[in-house]
Each structure stands twice: as C-alpha cells, then as structure tokens.
Amino acid sequence: MDTNQAYSITTPAYNELDNLKEISEDVLNQSIKPDMWLIVDDGSDDGSIDFLDNLSQKYSWIKWISSEIEGQGHFNRVWKVIRKGINFLLKKKIQTI
C-alpha cells in the first residue's frame, strides 16, 4: 500500500467492549493508520461508551457517534448503523476537499 493513500474505517458496535479492546489494539498496531476510525455505537450499556470516550480523547483520528436508531429488526438496525457511519465519513471527506 502506498503510504500516501488515505483510508477510513467504520465499525458498528453494540455491547462489544471486549471486541472493541481487541480491535483497537489491532488498529493501533497497524503500520499505516487510518485517517479516521469511526465507531457507531447502537446503545451499548456494557462500558463501551467509556472505553470509546477514552480512546477518542487519546487519539484524534478515532471518533465515535451514537446511532440513535430505535426499534426495528436486527438486520435492519445493523444496516442503518453501518450506513450512518459511512454517511458521516463521506460528509467529513467532502468538508476536507
């Protein structure tokens, strides 16, 4: 991968504290870091929010937002959470052009 190539990551999460800890280690250990890693939380109540707050304060390129999507079936919610993350990243990309 060319070191001048930019990329972003979006990750949907719901009560994924243990997985977020593992994933964050992997992302932080990459030789080429993403421009932004966006985690879209879907209402976690397992400590994920505190973890994400700490992570995003420590690393400016890590952001998290709340999905604020309620109800609906599991698949529909997951898709909407992912789509919200992608839309967020696209808006950020347009603002930097």
Protein backbone atom coordinates (compact mmCIF):
# COMPACT_ATOMS: atom_id res chain seq x y z
CA MET A 1 0.00 0.00 0.00
CA ASP A 2 1.30 3.43 -0.91
CA THR A 3 1.89 5.47 2.26
CA ASN A 4 0.14 8.44 0.63
CA GLN A 5 -3.12 6.54 0.32
CA ALA A 6 -5.76 7.58 2.79
CA TYR A 7 -8.40 5.28 4.19
CA SER A 8 -11.06 5.28 6.90
CA ILE A 9 -12.70 2.54 8.92
CA THR A 10 -16.25 2.43 10.22
CA THR A 11 -17.26 -0.10 12.87
CA PRO A 12 -20.79 -0.74 14.15
CA ALA A 13 -20.92 -1.71 17.83
CA TYR A 14 -23.50 -2.80 20.37
CA ASN A 15 -22.19 -4.07 23.71
CA GLU A 16 -18.86 -5.01 22.13
CA LEU A 17 -16.47 -3.82 24.86
CA ASP A 18 -14.22 -6.90 24.74
CA ASN A 19 -14.15 -6.90 20.93
CA LEU A 20 -13.51 -3.14 20.80
CA LYS A 21 -10.49 -3.59 23.06
CA GLU A 22 -9.10 -6.28 20.74
CA ILE A 23 -9.89 -4.38 17.55
CA SER A 24 -8.39 -1.17 18.89
CA GLU A 25 -5.10 -2.94 19.62
CA ASP A 26 -5.06 -4.23 16.04
CA VAL A 27 -5.85 -0.82 14.52
CA LEU A 28 -3.32 0.98 16.74
CA ASN A 29 -0.62 -1.53 15.76
CA GLN A 30 -1.10 -1.04 12.02
CA SER A 31 1.94 0.49 10.35
CA ILE A 32 -0.31 2.81 8.33
CA LYS A 33 -3.06 4.28 10.49
CA PRO A 34 -6.42 5.28 9.01
CA ASP A 35 -7.27 8.96 8.59
CA MET A 36 -10.31 8.23 10.71
CA TRP A 37 -11.71 5.29 12.57
CA LEU A 38 -15.38 5.87 13.27
CA ILE A 39 -17.22 3.63 15.71
CA VAL A 40 -21.02 3.89 15.55
CA ASP A 41 -22.48 2.79 18.86
CA ASP A 42 -26.01 1.38 18.85
CA GLY A 43 -26.93 1.98 22.51
CA SER A 44 -24.31 -0.07 24.37
CA ASP A 45 -24.62 -0.40 28.14
CA ASP A 46 -21.58 -2.60 28.83
CA GLY A 47 -18.94 0.10 29.32
CA SER A 48 -18.25 0.54 25.62
CA ILE A 49 -19.10 4.26 25.79
CA ASP A 50 -16.50 4.96 28.50
CA PHE A 51 -13.91 2.98 26.55
CA LEU A 52 -14.72 4.87 23.34
CA ASP A 53 -14.60 8.23 25.15
CA ASN A 54 -11.12 7.45 26.48
CA LEU A 55 -9.91 6.14 23.13
CA SER A 56 -11.19 9.14 21.17
CA GLN A 57 -9.65 11.57 23.67
CA LYS A 58 -6.28 9.87 23.35
CA TYR A 59 -6.27 9.62 19.53
CA SER A 60 -7.73 12.48 17.49
CA TRP A 61 -8.30 10.24 14.45
CA ILE A 62 -10.64 7.94 16.42
CA LYS A 63 -14.23 9.17 16.67
CA TRP A 64 -17.45 7.63 17.88
CA ILE A 65 -21.06 8.60 17.41
CA SER A 66 -24.38 7.23 18.63
CA SER A 67 -26.65 5.64 16.05
CA GLU A 68 -29.82 6.93 17.75
CA ILE A 69 -31.74 4.25 15.83
CA GLU A 70 -34.52 2.63 17.81
CA GLY A 71 -36.67 -0.43 17.29
CA GLN A 72 -36.70 -2.35 14.00
CA GLY A 73 -35.32 -5.81 13.30
CA HIS A 74 -31.70 -6.78 13.91
CA PHE A 75 -30.55 -6.80 10.27
CA ASN A 76 -32.29 -3.51 9.51
CA ARG A 77 -30.65 -1.87 12.56
CA VAL A 78 -27.18 -3.16 11.66
CA TRP A 79 -27.51 -1.89 8.11
CA LYS A 80 -28.73 1.53 9.29
CA VAL A 81 -25.88 1.81 11.80
CA ILE A 82 -23.32 0.98 9.09
CA ARG A 83 -24.97 3.41 6.68
CA LYS A 84 -24.92 6.17 9.31
CA GLY A 85 -21.18 5.63 9.75
CA ILE A 86 -20.50 5.72 6.03
CA ASN A 87 -22.57 8.90 5.62
CA PHE A 88 -20.65 10.52 8.49
CA LEU A 89 -17.32 9.65 6.85
CA LEU A 90 -18.49 10.92 3.46
CA LYS A 91 -19.57 14.26 4.96
CA LYS A 92 -16.16 14.62 6.65
CA LYS A 93 -14.43 13.81 3.36
CA ILE A 94 -16.45 16.47 1.48
CA GLN A 95 -15.66 19.06 4.17
CA THR A 96 -11.92 18.50 3.71
CA ILE A 97 -11.95 18.83 -0.09
